[in-house]
Amino acid sequence: MMTPPNDFLIVILTFKFSHKRRGLHTSKMSTLPAPKNVSALIRFSRWAALGTGLMYGLVRFSYLKRKEARLQEADTKIREAREAKLKAEKDAKAKAELDDLAKEAGIAK
């Protein structure tokens, strides 16, 4: 087994015995006083606030859910109309391009 260098042992032993002189030793843990009883009014108020918050959250969520459903329906209608318009424009552009190509190639219709 390998022994540590002597300097290392000196540092460890010096700290071991000198930390008490420097005030680094740990003190005993202090004991906390017993917790005080919380009044019934405060406990009731906490539970009432929690219940009120839950109810508000449920009502607000249902309202926002209905509102979002209406917005989604409107967006779907707008998207479908836009896609139909873009498809018609794309078809018209493709037809015009084919007509130009036929005219350049000398193919009669």
PDB file of N, CA and C in Angstrom:
ATOM      1  N   MET A   1       0.835  -1.182   0.000  1.00  0.00           N
ATOM      2  CA  MET A   1       0.000   0.000   0.000  1.00  0.00           C
ATOM      3  C   MET A   1       0.881   1.247   0.000  1.00  0.00           C
ATOM      4  N   MET A   2       0.453   2.215  -0.780  1.00  0.00           N
ATOM      5  CA  MET A   2       1.253   3.412  -0.945  1.00  0.00           C
ATOM      6  C   MET A   2       0.919   4.419   0.163  1.00  0.00           C
ATOM      7  N   THR A   3       1.894   5.051   0.758  1.00  0.00           N
ATOM      8  CA  THR A   3       1.657   6.030   1.810  1.00  0.00           C
ATOM      9  C   THR A   3       1.659   7.426   1.211  1.00  0.00           C
ATOM     10  N   PRO A   4       0.799   8.304   1.722  1.00  0.00           N
ATOM     11  CA  PRO A   4       0.769   9.670   1.191  1.00  0.00           C
ATOM     12  C   PRO A   4       2.022  10.429   1.607  1.00  0.00           C
ATOM     13  N   PRO A   5       2.370  11.477   0.882  1.00  0.00           N
ATOM     14  CA  PRO A   5       3.558  12.250   1.244  1.00  0.00           C
ATOM     15  C   PRO A   5       3.389  12.904   2.610  1.00  0.00           C
ATOM     16  N   ASN A   6       4.484  13.160   3.260  1.00  0.00           N
ATOM     17  CA  ASN A   6       4.458  13.726   4.607  1.00  0.00           C
ATOM     18  C   ASN A   6       3.835  15.110   4.636  1.00  0.00           C
ATOM     19  N   ASP A   7       4.061  15.905   3.589  1.00  0.00           N
ATOM     20  CA  ASP A   7       3.488  17.258   3.555  1.00  0.00           C
ATOM     21  C   ASP A   7       1.968  17.191   3.601  1.00  0.00           C
ATOM     22  N   PHE A   8       1.403  16.224   2.911  1.00  0.00           N
ATOM     23  CA  PHE A   8      -0.050  16.062   2.901  1.00  0.00           C
ATOM     24  C   PHE A   8      -0.557  15.769   4.307  1.00  0.00           C
ATOM     25  N   LEU A   9       0.105  14.883   5.021  1.00  0.00           N
ATOM     26  CA  LEU A   9      -0.295  14.549   6.386  1.00  0.00           C
ATOM     27  C   LEU A   9      -0.186  15.752   7.310  1.00  0.00           C
ATOM     28  N   ILE A  10       0.818  16.549   7.117  1.00  0.00           N
ATOM     29  CA  ILE A  10       1.003  17.731   7.964  1.00  0.00           C
ATOM     30  C   ILE A  10      -0.133  18.715   7.741  1.00  0.00           C
ATOM     31  N   VAL A  11      -0.531  18.917   6.470  1.00  0.00           N
ATOM     32  CA  VAL A  11      -1.627  19.833   6.162  1.00  0.00           C
ATOM     33  C   VAL A  11      -2.926  19.326   6.772  1.00  0.00           C
ATOM     34  N   ILE A  12      -3.194  18.047   6.636  1.00  0.00           N
ATOM     35  CA  ILE A  12      -4.427  17.476   7.175  1.00  0.00           C
ATOM     36  C   ILE A  12      -4.449  17.588   8.694  1.00  0.00           C
ATOM     37  N   LEU A  13      -3.376  17.219   9.337  1.00  0.00           N
ATOM     38  CA  LEU A  13      -3.338  17.279  10.796  1.00  0.00           C
ATOM     39  C   LEU A  13      -3.411  18.711  11.298  1.00  0.00           C
ATOM     40  N   THR A  14      -2.773  19.645  10.585  1.00  0.00           N
ATOM     41  CA  THR A  14      -2.819  21.048  10.987  1.00  0.00           C
ATOM     42  C   THR A  14      -4.247  21.555  10.928  1.00  0.00           C
ATOM     43  N   PHE A  15      -4.974  21.235   9.843  1.00  0.00           N
ATOM     44  CA  PHE A  15      -6.356  21.686   9.729  1.00  0.00           C
ATOM     45  C   PHE A  15      -7.225  21.028  10.791  1.00  0.00           C
ATOM     46  N   LYS A  16      -6.982  19.752  11.022  1.00  0.00           N
ATOM     47  CA  LYS A  16      -7.804  19.005  11.962  1.00  0.00           C
ATOM     48  C   LYS A  16      -7.764  19.639  13.345  1.00  0.00           C
ATOM     49  N   PHE A  17      -6.619  20.139  13.748  1.00  0.00           N
ATOM     50  CA  PHE A  17      -6.511  20.686  15.094  1.00  0.00           C
ATOM     51  C   PHE A  17      -6.623  22.204  15.134  1.00  0.00           C
ATOM     52  N   SER A  18      -6.496  22.882  13.998  1.00  0.00           N
ATOM     53  CA  SER A  18      -6.511  24.342  14.025  1.00  0.00           C
ATOM     54  C   SER A  18      -7.883  24.928  13.712  1.00  0.00           C
ATOM     55  N   HIS A  19      -8.799  24.167  13.113  1.00  0.00           N
ATOM     56  CA  HIS A  19     -10.088  24.740  12.735  1.00  0.00           C
ATOM     57  C   HIS A  19     -10.903  25.137  13.952  1.00  0.00           C
ATOM     58  N   LYS A  20     -10.671  24.507  15.101  1.00  0.00           N
ATOM     59  CA  LYS A  20     -11.409  24.866  16.307  1.00  0.00           C
ATOM     60  C   LYS A  20     -10.939  26.213  16.834  1.00  0.00           C
ATOM     61  N   ARG A  21      -9.678  26.512  16.664  1.00  0.00           N
ATOM     62  CA  ARG A  21      -9.166  27.801  17.121  1.00  0.00           C
ATOM     63  C   ARG A  21      -9.687  28.942  16.264  1.00  0.00           C
ATOM     64  N   ARG A  22      -9.945  28.667  14.971  1.00  0.00           N
ATOM     65  CA  ARG A  22     -10.413  29.714  14.060  1.00  0.00           C
ATOM     66  C   ARG A  22     -11.924  29.882  14.087  1.00  0.00           C
ATOM     67  N   GLY A  23     -12.626  29.121  14.879  1.00  0.00           N
ATOM     68  CA  GLY A  23     -14.076  29.247  14.974  1.00  0.00           C
ATOM     69  C   GLY A  23     -14.802  28.534  13.860  1.00  0.00           C
ATOM     70  N   LEU A  24     -14.187  27.538  13.227  1.00  0.00           N
ATOM     71  CA  LEU A  24     -14.819  26.835  12.124  1.00  0.00           C
ATOM     72  C   LEU A  24     -15.570  25.588  12.572  1.00  0.00           C
ATOM     73  N   HIS A  25     -15.550  25.296  13.831  1.00  0.00           N
ATOM     74  CA  HIS A  25     -16.224  24.085  14.285  1.00  0.00           C
ATOM     75  C   HIS A  25     -17.732  24.264  14.187  1.00  0.00           C
ATOM     76  N   THR A  26     -18.407  23.185  14.016  1.00  0.00           N
ATOM     77  CA  THR A  26     -19.859  23.254  13.862  1.00  0.00           C
ATOM     78  C   THR A  26     -20.509  23.312  15.232  1.00  0.00           C
ATOM     79  N   SER A  27     -21.493  24.165  15.335  1.00  0.00           N
ATOM     80  CA  SER A  27     -22.218  24.267  16.601  1.00  0.00           C
ATOM     81  C   SER A  27     -23.353  23.253  16.610  1.00  0.00           C
ATOM     82  N   LYS A  28     -23.882  23.028  17.785  1.00  0.00           N
ATOM     83  CA  LYS A  28     -24.998  22.102  17.872  1.00  0.00           C
ATOM     84  C   LYS A  28     -26.207  22.726  17.203  1.00  0.00           C
ATOM     85  N   MET A  29     -27.026  21.885  16.611  1.00  0.00           N
ATOM     86  CA  MET A  29     -28.201  22.368  15.910  1.00  0.00           C
ATOM     87  C   MET A  29     -29.207  22.926  16.914  1.00  0.00           C
ATOM     88  N   SER A  30     -29.714  24.103  16.631  1.00  0.00           N
ATOM     89  CA  SER A  30     -30.687  24.696  17.535  1.00  0.00           C
ATOM     90  C   SER A  30     -32.047  24.048  17.316  1.00  0.00           C
ATOM     91  N   THR A  31     -32.817  24.002  18.338  1.00  0.00           N
ATOM     92  CA  THR A  31     -34.139  23.388  18.235  1.00  0.00           C
ATOM     93  C   THR A  31     -35.157  24.468  17.927  1.00  0.00           C
ATOM     94  N   LEU A  32     -36.069  24.146  17.074  1.00  0.00           N
ATOM     95  CA  LEU A  32     -37.111  25.088  16.694  1.00  0.00           C
ATOM     96  C   LEU A  32     -38.278  24.988  17.664  1.00  0.00           C
ATOM     97  N   PRO A  33     -38.961  26.104  17.866  1.00  0.00           N
ATOM     98  CA  PRO A  33     -40.138  26.026  18.740  1.00  0.00           C
ATOM     99  C   PRO A  33     -41.255  25.269  18.030  1.00  0.00           C
ATOM    100  N   ALA A  34     -42.193  24.802  18.787  1.00  0.00           N
ATOM    101  CA  ALA A  34     -43.322  24.077  18.211  1.00  0.00           C
ATOM    102  C   ALA A  34     -44.117  25.015  17.311  1.00  0.00           C
ATOM    103  N   PRO A  35     -44.641  24.514  16.193  1.00  0.00           N
ATOM    104  CA  PRO A  35     -45.402  25.389  15.297  1.00  0.00           C
ATOM    105  C   PRO A  35     -46.690  25.860  15.963  1.00  0.00           C
ATOM    106  N   LYS A  36     -47.065  27.088  15.625  1.00  0.00           N
ATOM    107  CA  LYS A  36     -48.287  27.654  16.190  1.00  0.00           C
ATOM    108  C   LYS A  36     -49.487  27.146  15.409  1.00  0.00           C
ATOM    109  N   ASN A  37     -50.611  27.076  16.061  1.00  0.00           N
ATOM    110  CA  ASN A  37     -51.844  26.668  15.386  1.00  0.00           C
ATOM    111  C   ASN A  37     -52.327  27.799  14.495  1.00  0.00           C
ATOM    112  N   VAL A  38     -52.714  27.472  13.283  1.00  0.00           N
ATOM    113  CA  VAL A  38     -53.260  28.448  12.355  1.00  0.00           C
ATOM    114  C   VAL A  38     -54.749  28.560  12.637  1.00  0.00           C
ATOM    115  N   SER A  39     -55.256  29.791  12.664  1.00  0.00           N
ATOM    116  CA  SER A  39     -56.659  29.982  13.010  1.00  0.00           C
ATOM    117  C   SER A  39     -57.564  29.349  11.953  1.00  0.00           C
ATOM    118  N   ALA A  40     -58.750  29.010  12.382  1.00  0.00           N
ATOM    119  CA  ALA A  40     -59.718  28.370  11.495  1.00  0.00           C
ATOM    120  C   ALA A  40     -60.108  29.298  10.349  1.00  0.00           C
ATOM    121  N   LEU A  41     -60.182  30.597  10.610  1.00  0.00           N
ATOM    122  CA  LEU A  41     -60.532  31.560   9.564  1.00  0.00           C
ATOM    123  C   LEU A  41     -59.485  31.563   8.457  1.00  0.00           C
ATOM    124  N   ILE A  42     -58.226  31.522   8.837  1.00  0.00           N
ATOM    125  CA  ILE A  42     -57.155  31.517   7.831  1.00  0.00           C
ATOM    126  C   ILE A  42     -57.188  30.218   7.041  1.00  0.00           C
ATOM    127  N   ARG A  43     -57.364  29.089   7.724  1.00  0.00           N
ATOM    128  CA  ARG A  43     -57.435  27.816   7.004  1.00  0.00           C
ATOM    129  C   ARG A  43     -58.620  27.794   6.050  1.00  0.00           C
ATOM    130  N   PHE A  44     -59.781  28.266   6.518  1.00  0.00           N
ATOM    131  CA  PHE A  44     -60.959  28.311   5.653  1.00  0.00           C
ATOM    132  C   PHE A  44     -60.714  29.222   4.456  1.00  0.00           C
ATOM    133  N   SER A  45     -60.083  30.368   4.710  1.00  0.00           N
ATOM    134  CA  SER A  45     -59.811  31.318   3.624  1.00  0.00           C
ATOM    135  C   SER A  45     -58.888  30.708   2.578  1.00  0.00           C
ATOM    136  N   ARG A  46     -57.888  29.962   3.014  1.00  0.00           N
ATOM    137  CA  ARG A  46     -56.981  29.311   2.063  1.00  0.00           C
ATOM    138  C   ARG A  46     -57.719  28.312   1.188  1.00  0.00           C
ATOM    139  N   TRP A  47     -58.537  27.467   1.811  1.00  0.00           N
ATOM    140  CA  TRP A  47     -59.286  26.469   1.046  1.00  0.00           C
ATOM    141  C   TRP A  47     -60.313  27.137   0.133  1.00  0.00           C
ATOM    142  N   ALA A  48     -60.950  28.211   0.616  1.00  0.00           N
ATOM    143  CA  ALA A  48     -61.931  28.927  -0.211  1.00  0.00           C
ATOM    144  C   ALA A  48     -61.236  29.546  -1.425  1.00  0.00           C
ATOM    145  N   ALA A  49     -60.048  30.126  -1.203  1.00  0.00           N
ATOM    146  CA  ALA A  49     -59.304  30.721  -2.322  1.00  0.00           C
ATOM    147  C   ALA A  49     -58.903  29.644  -3.329  1.00  0.00           C
ATOM    148  N   LEU A  50     -58.487  28.489  -2.835  1.00  0.00           N
ATOM    149  CA  LEU A  50     -58.130  27.394  -3.734  1.00  0.00           C
ATOM    150  C   LEU A  50     -59.338  26.938  -4.545  1.00  0.00           C
ATOM    151  N   GLY A  51     -60.471  26.731  -3.872  1.00  0.00           N
ATOM    152  CA  GLY A  51     -61.693  26.299  -4.571  1.00  0.00           C
ATOM    153  C   GLY A  51     -62.166  27.339  -5.577  1.00  0.00           C
ATOM    154  N   THR A  52     -62.111  28.604  -5.187  1.00  0.00           N
ATOM    155  CA  THR A  52     -62.522  29.677  -6.097  1.00  0.00           C
ATOM    156  C   THR A  52     -61.612  29.715  -7.323  1.00  0.00           C
ATOM    157  N   GLY A  53     -60.325  29.546  -7.103  1.00  0.00           N
ATOM    158  CA  GLY A  53     -59.386  29.530  -8.228  1.00  0.00           C
ATOM    159  C   GLY A  53     -59.646  28.374  -9.166  1.00  0.00           C
ATOM    160  N   LEU A  54     -59.947  27.211  -8.601  1.00  0.00           N
ATOM    161  CA  LEU A  54     -60.261  26.049  -9.445  1.00  0.00           C
ATOM    162  C   LEU A  54     -61.535  26.281 -10.254  1.00  0.00           C
ATOM    163  N   MET A  55     -62.549  26.815  -9.618  1.00  0.00           N
ATOM    164  CA  MET A  55     -63.805  27.079 -10.336  1.00  0.00           C
ATOM    165  C   MET A  55     -63.585  28.121 -11.443  1.00  0.00           C
ATOM    166  N   TYR A  56     -62.858  29.182 -11.124  1.00  0.00           N
ATOM    167  CA  TYR A  56     -62.572  30.197 -12.133  1.00  0.00           C
ATOM    168  C   TYR A  56     -61.810  29.579 -13.306  1.00  0.00           C
ATOM    169  N   GLY A  57     -60.847  28.743 -13.001  1.00  0.00           N
ATOM    170  CA  GLY A  57     -60.073  28.107 -14.057  1.00  0.00           C
ATOM    171  C   GLY A  57     -60.929  27.232 -14.950  1.00  0.00           C
ATOM    172  N   LEU A  58     -61.848  26.477 -14.348  1.00  0.00           N
ATOM    173  CA  LEU A  58     -62.738  25.619 -15.147  1.00  0.00           C
ATOM    174  C   LEU A  58     -63.643  26.443 -16.052  1.00  0.00           C
ATOM    175  N   VAL A  59     -64.232  27.497 -15.488  1.00  0.00           N
ATOM    176  CA  VAL A  59     -65.135  28.344 -16.284  1.00  0.00           C
ATOM    177  C   VAL A  59     -64.368  29.043 -17.402  1.00  0.00           C
ATOM    178  N   ARG A  60     -63.209  29.576 -17.066  1.00  0.00           N
ATOM    179  CA  ARG A  60     -62.412  30.283 -18.070  1.00  0.00           C
ATOM    180  C   ARG A  60     -61.946  29.342 -19.179  1.00  0.00           C
ATOM    181  N   PHE A  61     -61.541  28.138 -18.798  1.00  0.00           N
ATOM    182  CA  PHE A  61     -61.095  27.166 -19.790  1.00  0.00           C
ATOM    183  C   PHE A  61     -62.223  26.799 -20.745  1.00  0.00           C
ATOM    184  N   SER A  62     -63.427  26.567 -20.208  1.00  0.00           N
ATOM    185  CA  SER A  62     -64.544  26.202 -21.095  1.00  0.00           C
ATOM    186  C   SER A  62     -64.887  27.363 -22.038  1.00  0.00           C
ATOM    187  N   TYR A  63     -64.832  28.600 -21.527  1.00  0.00           N
ATOM    188  CA  TYR A  63     -65.092  29.764 -22.371  1.00  0.00           C
ATOM    189  C   TYR A  63     -64.063  29.858 -23.495  1.00  0.00           C
ATOM    190  N   LEU A  64     -62.782  29.736 -23.138  1.00  0.00           N
ATOM    191  CA  LEU A  64     -61.736  29.845 -24.145  1.00  0.00           C
ATOM    192  C   LEU A  64     -61.781  28.684 -25.137  1.00  0.00           C
ATOM    193  N   LYS A  65     -62.202  27.512 -24.671  1.00  0.00           N
ATOM    194  CA  LYS A  65     -62.316  26.353 -25.555  1.00  0.00           C
ATOM    195  C   LYS A  65     -63.395  26.589 -26.615  1.00  0.00           C
ATOM    196  N   ARG A  66     -64.542  27.107 -26.183  1.00  0.00           N
ATOM    197  CA  ARG A  66     -65.618  27.407 -27.154  1.00  0.00           C
ATOM    198  C   ARG A  66     -65.175  28.498 -28.125  1.00  0.00           C
ATOM    199  N   LYS A  67     -64.510  29.525 -27.605  1.00  0.00           N
ATOM    200  CA  LYS A  67     -64.050  30.624 -28.453  1.00  0.00           C
ATOM    201  C   LYS A  67     -63.045  30.118 -29.491  1.00  0.00           C
ATOM    202  N   GLU A  68     -62.129  29.269 -29.067  1.00  0.00           N
ATOM    203  CA  GLU A  68     -61.128  28.723 -29.991  1.00  0.00           C
ATOM    204  C   GLU A  68     -61.774  27.833 -31.045  1.00  0.00           C
ATOM    205  N   ALA A  69     -62.815  27.084 -30.665  1.00  0.00           N
ATOM    206  CA  ALA A  69     -63.511  26.236 -31.634  1.00  0.00           C
ATOM    207  C   ALA A  69     -64.145  27.099 -32.730  1.00  0.00           C
ATOM    208  N   ARG A  70     -64.748  28.230 -32.331  1.00  0.00           N
ATOM    209  CA  ARG A  70     -65.338  29.132 -33.339  1.00  0.00           C
ATOM    210  C   ARG A  70     -64.248  29.704 -34.246  1.00  0.00           C
ATOM    211  N   LEU A  71     -63.121  30.084 -33.661  1.00  0.00           N
ATOM    212  CA  LEU A  71     -62.028  30.628 -34.472  1.00  0.00           C
ATOM    213  C   LEU A  71     -61.470  29.578 -35.427  1.00  0.00           C
ATOM    214  N   GLN A  72     -61.373  28.342 -34.980  1.00  0.00           N
ATOM    215  CA  GLN A  72     -60.877  27.270 -35.837  1.00  0.00           C
ATOM    216  C   GLN A  72     -61.817  27.040 -37.023  1.00  0.00           C
ATOM    217  N   GLU A  73     -63.129  27.081 -36.764  1.00  0.00           N
ATOM    218  CA  GLU A  73     -64.096  26.910 -37.864  1.00  0.00           C
ATOM    219  C   GLU A  73     -63.939  28.024 -38.891  1.00  0.00           C
ATOM    220  N   ALA A  74     -63.819  29.261 -38.426  1.00  0.00           N
ATOM    221  CA  ALA A  74     -63.657  30.392 -39.343  1.00  0.00           C
ATOM    222  C   ALA A  74     -62.344  30.257 -40.123  1.00  0.00           C
ATOM    223  N   ASP A  75     -61.273  29.876 -39.450  1.00  0.00           N
ATOM    224  CA  ASP A  75     -59.991  29.698 -40.124  1.00  0.00           C
ATOM    225  C   ASP A  75     -60.060  28.592 -41.169  1.00  0.00           C
ATOM    226  N   THR A  76     -60.779  27.515 -40.865  1.00  0.00           N
ATOM    227  CA  THR A  76     -60.914  26.411 -41.812  1.00  0.00           C
ATOM    228  C   THR A  76     -61.641  26.873 -43.073  1.00  0.00           C
ATOM    229  N   LYS A  77     -62.714  27.656 -42.897  1.00  0.00           N
ATOM    230  CA  LYS A  77     -63.452  28.165 -44.059  1.00  0.00           C
ATOM    231  C   LYS A  77     -62.565  29.073 -44.909  1.00  0.00           C
ATOM    232  N   ILE A  78     -61.843  29.963 -44.260  1.00  0.00           N
ATOM    233  CA  ILE A  78     -60.959  30.879 -44.991  1.00  0.00           C
ATOM    234  C   ILE A  78     -59.862  30.104 -45.701  1.00  0.00           C
ATOM    235  N   ARG A  79     -59.271  29.114 -45.019  1.00  0.00           N
ATOM    236  CA  ARG A  79     -58.201  28.312 -45.611  1.00  0.00           C
ATOM    237  C   ARG A  79     -58.703  27.550 -46.834  1.00  0.00           C
ATOM    238  N   GLU A  80     -59.894  26.942 -46.730  1.00  0.00           N
ATOM    239  CA  GLU A  80     -60.438  26.190 -47.867  1.00  0.00           C
ATOM    240  C   GLU A  80     -60.710  27.105 -49.052  1.00  0.00           C
ATOM    241  N   ALA A  81     -61.267  28.302 -48.788  1.00  0.00           N
ATOM    242  CA  ALA A  81     -61.527  29.249 -49.880  1.00  0.00           C
ATOM    243  C   ALA A  81     -60.211  29.687 -50.526  1.00  0.00           C
ATOM    244  N   ARG A  82     -59.204  29.948 -49.715  1.00  0.00           N
ATOM    245  CA  ARG A  82     -57.909  30.374 -50.247  1.00  0.00           C
ATOM    246  C   ARG A  82     -57.262  29.270 -51.073  1.00  0.00           C
ATOM    247  N   GLU A  83     -57.333  28.033 -50.577  1.00  0.00           N
ATOM    248  CA  GLU A  83     -56.749  26.915 -51.321  1.00  0.00           C
ATOM    249  C   GLU A  83     -57.461  26.705 -52.647  1.00  0.00           C
ATOM    250  N   ALA A  84     -58.792  26.853 -52.672  1.00  0.00           N
ATOM    251  CA  ALA A  84     -59.542  26.708 -53.925  1.00  0.00           C
ATOM    252  C   ALA A  84     -59.138  27.806 -54.912  1.00  0.00           C
ATOM    253  N   LYS A  85     -58.996  29.043 -54.413  1.00  0.00           N
ATOM    254  CA  LYS A  85     -58.602  30.157 -55.275  1.00  0.00           C
ATOM    255  C   LYS A  85     -57.196  29.929 -55.830  1.00  0.00           C
ATOM    256  N   LEU A  86     -56.264  29.503 -54.973  1.00  0.00           N
ATOM    257  CA  LEU A  86     -54.895  29.244 -55.437  1.00  0.00           C
ATOM    258  C   LEU A  86     -54.845  28.102 -56.444  1.00  0.00           C
ATOM    259  N   LYS A  87     -55.663  27.075 -56.241  1.00  0.00           N
ATOM    260  CA  LYS A  87     -55.705  25.956 -57.181  1.00  0.00           C
ATOM    261  C   LYS A  87     -56.233  26.418 -58.534  1.00  0.00           C
ATOM    262  N   ALA A  88     -57.286  27.262 -58.525  1.00  0.00           N
ATOM    263  CA  ALA A  88     -57.838  27.777 -59.782  1.00  0.00           C
ATOM    264  C   ALA A  88     -56.793  28.634 -60.510  1.00  0.00           C
ATOM    265  N   GLU A  89     -56.074  29.488 -59.750  1.00  0.00           N
ATOM    266  CA  GLU A  89     -55.034  30.310 -60.367  1.00  0.00           C
ATOM    267  C   GLU A  89     -53.912  29.450 -60.941  1.00  0.00           C
ATOM    268  N   LYS A  90     -53.534  28.416 -60.203  1.00  0.00           N
ATOM    269  CA  LYS A  90     -52.463  27.533 -60.657  1.00  0.00           C
ATOM    270  C   LYS A  90     -52.879  26.796 -61.930  1.00  0.00           C
ATOM    271  N   ASP A  91     -54.141  26.313 -61.968  1.00  0.00           N
ATOM    272  CA  ASP A  91     -54.633  25.620 -63.164  1.00  0.00           C
ATOM    273  C   ASP A  91     -54.687  26.562 -64.361  1.00  0.00           C
ATOM    274  N   ALA A  92     -55.139  27.818 -64.129  1.00  0.00           N
ATOM    275  CA  ALA A  92     -55.220  28.791 -65.219  1.00  0.00           C
ATOM    276  C   ALA A  92     -53.813  29.126 -65.729  1.00  0.00           C
ATOM    277  N   LYS A  93     -52.864  29.257 -64.814  1.00  0.00           N
ATOM    278  CA  LYS A  93     -51.493  29.571 -65.198  1.00  0.00           C
ATOM    279  C   LYS A  93     -50.876  28.406 -65.980  1.00  0.00           C
ATOM    280  N   ALA A  94     -51.147  27.180 -65.552  1.00  0.00           N
ATOM    281  CA  ALA A  94     -50.623  26.010 -66.262  1.00  0.00           C
ATOM    282  C   ALA A  94     -51.228  25.912 -67.657  1.00  0.00           C
ATOM    283  N   LYS A  95     -52.527  26.206 -67.781  1.00  0.00           N
ATOM    284  CA  LYS A  95     -53.188  26.158 -69.090  1.00  0.00           C
ATOM    285  C   LYS A  95     -52.600  27.220 -70.020  1.00  0.00           C
ATOM    286  N   ALA A  96     -52.387  28.421 -69.481  1.00  0.00           N
ATOM    287  CA  ALA A  96     -51.811  29.495 -70.293  1.00  0.00           C
ATOM    288  C   ALA A  96     -50.380  29.125 -70.730  1.00  0.00           C
ATOM    289  N   GLU A  97     -49.628  28.514 -69.846  1.00  0.00           N
ATOM    290  CA  GLU A  97     -48.270  28.111 -70.190  1.00  0.00           C
ATOM    291  C   GLU A  97     -48.276  27.034 -71.275  1.00  0.00           C
ATOM    292  N   LEU A  98     -49.203  26.075 -71.179  1.00  0.00           N
ATOM    293  CA  LEU A  98     -49.304  25.035 -72.207  1.00  0.00           C
ATOM    294  C   LEU A  98     -49.729  25.630 -73.552  1.00  0.00           C
ATOM    295  N   ASP A  99     -50.633  26.618 -73.524  1.00  0.00           N
ATOM    296  CA  ASP A  99     -51.052  27.267 -74.769  1.00  0.00           C
ATOM    297  C   ASP A  99     -49.876  28.005 -75.415  1.00  0.00           C
ATOM    298  N   ASP A 100     -49.068  28.705 -74.586  1.00  0.00           N
ATOM    299  CA  ASP A 100     -47.889  29.403 -75.113  1.00  0.00           C
ATOM    300  C   ASP A 100     -46.880  28.408 -75.688  1.00  0.00           C
ATOM    301  N   LEU A 101     -46.702  27.293 -75.010  1.00  0.00           N
ATOM    302  CA  LEU A 101     -45.760  26.285 -75.467  1.00  0.00           C
ATOM    303  C   LEU A 101     -46.244  25.667 -76.799  1.00  0.00           C
ATOM    304  N   ALA A 102     -47.541  25.431 -76.906  1.00  0.00           N
ATOM    305  CA  ALA A 102     -48.098  24.874 -78.138  1.00  0.00           C
ATOM    306  C   ALA A 102     -47.931  25.863 -79.282  1.00  0.00           C
ATOM    307  N   LYS A 103     -48.131  27.153 -78.967  1.00  0.00           N
ATOM    308  CA  LYS A 103     -47.980  28.184 -80.027  1.00  0.00           C
ATOM    309  C   LYS A 103     -46.529  28.257 -80.479  1.00  0.00           C
ATOM    310  N   GLU A 104     -45.577  28.179 -79.529  1.00  0.00           N
ATOM    311  CA  GLU A 104     -44.152  28.226 -79.880  1.00  0.00           C
ATOM    312  C   GLU A 104     -43.717  26.987 -80.646  1.00  0.00           C
ATOM    313  N   ALA A 105     -44.289  25.830 -80.317  1.00  0.00           N
ATOM    314  CA  ALA A 105     -43.924  24.595 -80.992  1.00  0.00           C
ATOM    315  C   ALA A 105     -44.633  24.456 -82.334  1.00  0.00           C
ATOM    316  N   GLY A 106     -45.622  25.280 -82.572  1.00  0.00           N
ATOM    317  CA  GLY A 106     -46.334  25.235 -83.840  1.00  0.00           C
ATOM    318  C   GLY A 106     -47.391  24.159 -83.881  1.00  0.00           C
ATOM    319  N   ILE A 107     -47.842  23.752 -82.730  1.00  0.00           N
ATOM    320  CA  ILE A 107     -48.911  22.746 -82.686  1.00  0.00           C
ATOM    321  C   ILE A 107     -50.235  23.479 -82.679  1.00  0.00           C
ATOM    322  N   ALA A 108     -51.069  23.164 -83.659  1.00  0.00           N
ATOM    323  CA  ALA A 108     -52.369  23.820 -83.747  1.00  0.00           C
ATOM    324  C   ALA A 108     -53.389  23.083 -82.896  1.00  0.00           C
ATOM    325  N   LYS A 109     -54.264  23.847 -82.345  1.00  0.00           N
ATOM    326  CA  LYS A 109     -55.323  23.232 -81.535  1.00  0.00           C
ATOM    327  C   LYS A 109     -56.575  23.126 -82.327  1.00  0.00           C
TER     328      LYS A 109
END
